[in-house]
Amino acid sequence: MSEPGSALLHPGEFREVYHRVYREPPYHEGAAEADGFARQLAGHAALPGFAVATVRDGAALTGFAYGVHREAGWWHPRAAAPAPRRLRCRPLFYVYELAVVPEARGRGHGRRLLDRLLADRTEPYAVLAASAKAPARDMYRRWGWTGAGRLTGPPHGVDLLALPLPLPHRPDRQAETA
């Protein structure tokens, strides 16, 4: 299950995990980008529909995933084209980050973080952006995420991927298969 914004009582932990993950190839981000991430996270944490899932090794944060509910009609502002038909006029859950420190990878943390983050969501679809150069993109594809678009501008080669969320209790779910 995802955790409320109170999980961000120590925002520096999230910045440090982000920095450790995104300073690696293919991203090569520095301290300034990590600071920008920390500011973005603080802003997103204040939004309705914010959710975060974390994994720890003892007291140390070793990974997190977070996202925000987006109203029907929202689409990524850097998308190269409009949203695919299946995603238009529907609320979405946008996954902004999934980050697991190198020494904690290969243990299923990423999958569990996303599963916890997306559990019990009311939106019919989740969307995220993934660099074509990052191993995570292939991981998302193996997990059932499919192409929904591309982003423009640097960094180049970033795909938007979508995942239908299982909501069998929703009567409109049958209509979404068309």
Protein backbone atom coordinates (compact mmCIF):
# COMPACT_ATOMS: atom_id res chain seq x y z
CA MET A 1 0.00 0.00 0.00
CA SER A 2 1.23 3.49 -0.70
CA GLU A 3 2.13 5.80 2.11
CA PRO A 4 0.81 9.30 2.77
CA GLY A 5 2.96 12.35 2.26
CA SER A 6 4.06 12.06 5.88
CA ALA A 7 6.59 9.50 4.58
CA LEU A 8 8.48 12.59 3.42
CA LEU A 9 9.39 13.70 6.93
CA HIS A 10 13.04 13.36 5.88
CA PRO A 11 13.11 14.73 2.31
CA GLY A 12 16.91 14.68 2.26
CA GLU A 13 16.76 10.87 2.19
CA PHE A 14 14.80 10.97 -1.05
CA ARG A 15 17.19 13.47 -2.58
CA GLU A 16 20.16 11.27 -1.67
CA VAL A 17 18.61 8.12 -3.19
CA TYR A 18 17.69 10.09 -6.30
CA HIS A 19 21.23 11.46 -6.58
CA ARG A 20 22.80 8.02 -6.17
CA VAL A 21 20.56 6.53 -8.86
CA TYR A 22 20.57 9.34 -11.42
CA ARG A 23 24.26 10.17 -11.34
CA GLU A 24 24.78 6.80 -13.09
CA PRO A 25 24.65 6.30 -16.85
CA PRO A 26 22.65 6.99 -18.91
CA TYR A 27 21.51 9.99 -16.85
CA HIS A 28 24.76 11.50 -15.47
CA GLU A 29 22.84 13.98 -13.32
CA GLY A 30 24.64 16.06 -10.73
CA ALA A 31 23.87 17.68 -7.41
CA ALA A 32 21.93 20.54 -9.03
CA GLU A 33 19.50 18.08 -10.67
CA ALA A 34 19.11 16.24 -7.36
CA ASP A 35 18.26 19.56 -5.69
CA GLY A 36 15.71 20.23 -8.43
CA PHE A 37 14.20 16.80 -7.85
CA ALA A 38 13.89 17.55 -4.12
CA ARG A 39 12.00 20.77 -4.87
CA GLN A 40 9.74 18.97 -7.37
CA LEU A 41 9.01 16.19 -4.87
CA ALA A 42 8.06 18.70 -2.18
CA GLY A 43 5.64 20.38 -4.59
CA HIS A 44 4.11 17.10 -5.71
CA ALA A 45 3.74 15.88 -2.11
CA ALA A 46 1.38 18.81 -1.49
CA LEU A 47 -0.93 17.82 -4.36
CA PRO A 48 -4.15 15.84 -3.92
CA GLY A 49 -3.68 12.24 -5.00
CA PHE A 50 0.04 12.13 -4.13
CA ALA A 51 1.28 8.68 -3.11
CA VAL A 52 4.70 7.26 -2.24
CA ALA A 53 6.02 3.78 -1.53
CA THR A 54 9.39 3.16 0.10
CA VAL A 55 11.82 0.34 0.83
CA ARG A 56 14.39 0.47 3.61
CA ASP A 57 17.39 -1.50 4.73
CA GLY A 58 17.09 -1.01 8.46
CA ALA A 59 16.66 2.72 8.92
CA ALA A 60 18.22 3.66 5.56
CA LEU A 61 15.97 4.51 2.61
CA THR A 62 17.13 2.35 -0.31
CA GLY A 63 14.33 2.94 -2.78
CA PHE A 64 11.08 4.74 -3.49
CA ALA A 65 8.38 5.22 -6.06
CA TYR A 66 5.98 8.14 -6.15
CA GLY A 67 3.25 9.54 -8.31
CA VAL A 68 0.33 11.93 -8.46
CA HIS A 69 -3.28 11.69 -9.61
CA ARG A 70 -3.89 13.67 -12.78
CA GLU A 71 -7.36 14.80 -13.84
CA ALA A 72 -9.05 13.64 -17.03
CA GLY A 73 -7.55 15.43 -20.04
CA TRP A 74 -4.09 15.88 -18.52
CA TRP A 75 -1.21 14.75 -20.70
CA HIS A 76 2.51 15.20 -20.27
CA PRO A 77 3.39 18.80 -21.24
CA ARG A 78 6.45 17.62 -23.21
CA ALA A 79 4.62 14.88 -25.13
CA ALA A 80 5.39 14.92 -28.84
CA ALA A 81 1.76 14.09 -29.71
CA PRO A 82 -1.64 14.05 -28.02
CA ALA A 83 -2.52 11.21 -25.68
CA PRO A 84 -3.58 7.95 -27.32
CA ARG A 85 -7.33 7.53 -27.58
CA ARG A 86 -7.47 4.99 -24.73
CA LEU A 87 -5.97 7.56 -22.34
CA ARG A 88 -7.89 10.66 -23.39
CA CYS A 89 -10.59 12.04 -21.15
CA ARG A 90 -9.65 9.68 -18.32
CA PRO A 91 -7.94 10.44 -15.07
CA LEU A 92 -4.41 9.06 -14.88
CA PHE A 93 -1.92 8.24 -12.18
CA TYR A 94 1.44 9.62 -13.28
CA VAL A 95 4.44 7.81 -11.80
CA TYR A 96 7.13 10.46 -11.50
CA GLU A 97 9.94 8.35 -10.10
CA LEU A 98 11.03 4.83 -9.31
CA ALA A 99 14.52 4.72 -7.81
CA VAL A 100 16.41 1.88 -6.11
CA VAL A 101 20.04 2.29 -5.04
CA PRO A 102 22.51 0.02 -6.89
CA GLU A 103 23.30 -2.33 -4.00
CA ALA A 104 19.58 -3.04 -3.43
CA ARG A 105 18.75 -3.91 -7.05
CA GLY A 106 18.00 -7.40 -8.30
CA ARG A 107 15.87 -8.30 -5.28
CA GLY A 108 12.44 -7.38 -6.65
CA HIS A 109 12.27 -4.04 -4.84
CA GLY A 110 11.36 -2.07 -7.97
CA ARG A 111 8.43 -4.33 -8.82
CA ARG A 112 7.17 -4.35 -5.23
CA LEU A 113 7.45 -0.56 -5.01
CA LEU A 114 5.36 -0.09 -8.15
CA ASP A 115 2.85 -2.74 -7.08
CA ARG A 116 2.41 -1.03 -3.70
CA LEU A 117 2.24 2.42 -5.28
CA LEU A 118 -0.43 1.37 -7.78
CA ALA A 119 -2.49 -0.81 -5.45
CA ASP A 120 -5.98 0.53 -4.81
CA ARG A 121 -5.65 3.39 -7.30
CA THR A 122 -8.97 4.55 -8.73
CA GLU A 123 -7.54 5.78 -12.04
CA PRO A 124 -7.94 3.37 -14.97
CA TYR A 125 -4.34 3.88 -16.18
CA ALA A 126 -0.90 4.67 -14.84
CA VAL A 127 1.65 6.47 -17.04
CA LEU A 128 5.40 7.00 -16.66
CA ALA A 129 8.36 8.21 -18.70
CA ALA A 130 11.36 5.95 -19.34
CA SER A 131 14.61 6.62 -21.15
CA ALA A 132 15.20 4.30 -24.11
CA LYS A 133 18.83 4.08 -22.93
CA ALA A 134 17.95 2.89 -19.40
CA PRO A 135 17.57 -0.79 -18.48
CA ALA A 136 14.42 0.17 -16.56
CA ARG A 137 12.53 0.74 -19.82
CA ASP A 138 12.85 -2.92 -20.79
CA MET A 139 11.88 -3.90 -17.25
CA TYR A 140 8.68 -1.86 -17.50
CA ARG A 141 7.86 -3.47 -20.84
CA ARG A 142 8.30 -6.95 -19.31
CA TRP A 143 5.88 -5.89 -16.58
CA GLY A 144 3.17 -5.02 -19.13
CA TRP A 145 3.68 -1.29 -19.70
CA THR A 146 3.07 -0.37 -23.35
CA GLY A 147 3.98 2.58 -25.54
CA ALA A 148 1.82 5.67 -25.22
CA GLY A 149 4.04 8.36 -26.77
CA ARG A 150 7.41 10.09 -26.64
CA LEU A 151 8.74 13.21 -25.01
CA THR A 152 10.31 16.10 -26.88
CA GLY A 153 13.53 17.89 -26.00
CA PRO A 154 16.43 16.79 -23.88
CA PRO A 155 16.99 14.23 -22.77
CA HIS A 156 16.09 12.69 -26.11
CA GLY A 157 14.75 9.18 -26.48
CA VAL A 158 12.26 9.17 -23.61
CA ASP A 159 9.14 7.05 -24.04
CA LEU A 160 5.82 7.47 -22.31
CA LEU A 161 4.49 4.09 -21.18
CA ALA A 162 1.02 3.21 -19.90
CA LEU A 163 -0.36 0.38 -17.81
CA PRO A 164 -4.04 -0.41 -17.37
CA LEU A 165 -4.77 -0.71 -13.67
CA PRO A 166 -6.87 -3.66 -12.55
CA LEU A 167 -10.18 -2.33 -11.34
CA PRO A 168 -12.67 -5.20 -11.73
CA HIS A 169 -15.15 -3.47 -9.44
CA ARG A 170 -15.54 -0.54 -11.85
CA PRO A 171 -18.51 -0.88 -14.21
CA ASP A 172 -16.78 1.22 -16.90
CA ARG A 173 -13.87 -1.27 -17.16
CA GLN A 174 -15.64 -3.32 -19.85
CA ALA A 175 -16.11 -0.20 -21.98
CA GLU A 176 -12.36 0.46 -21.89
CA THR A 177 -11.50 -2.62 -23.94
CA ALA A 178 -12.97 -1.02 -27.09
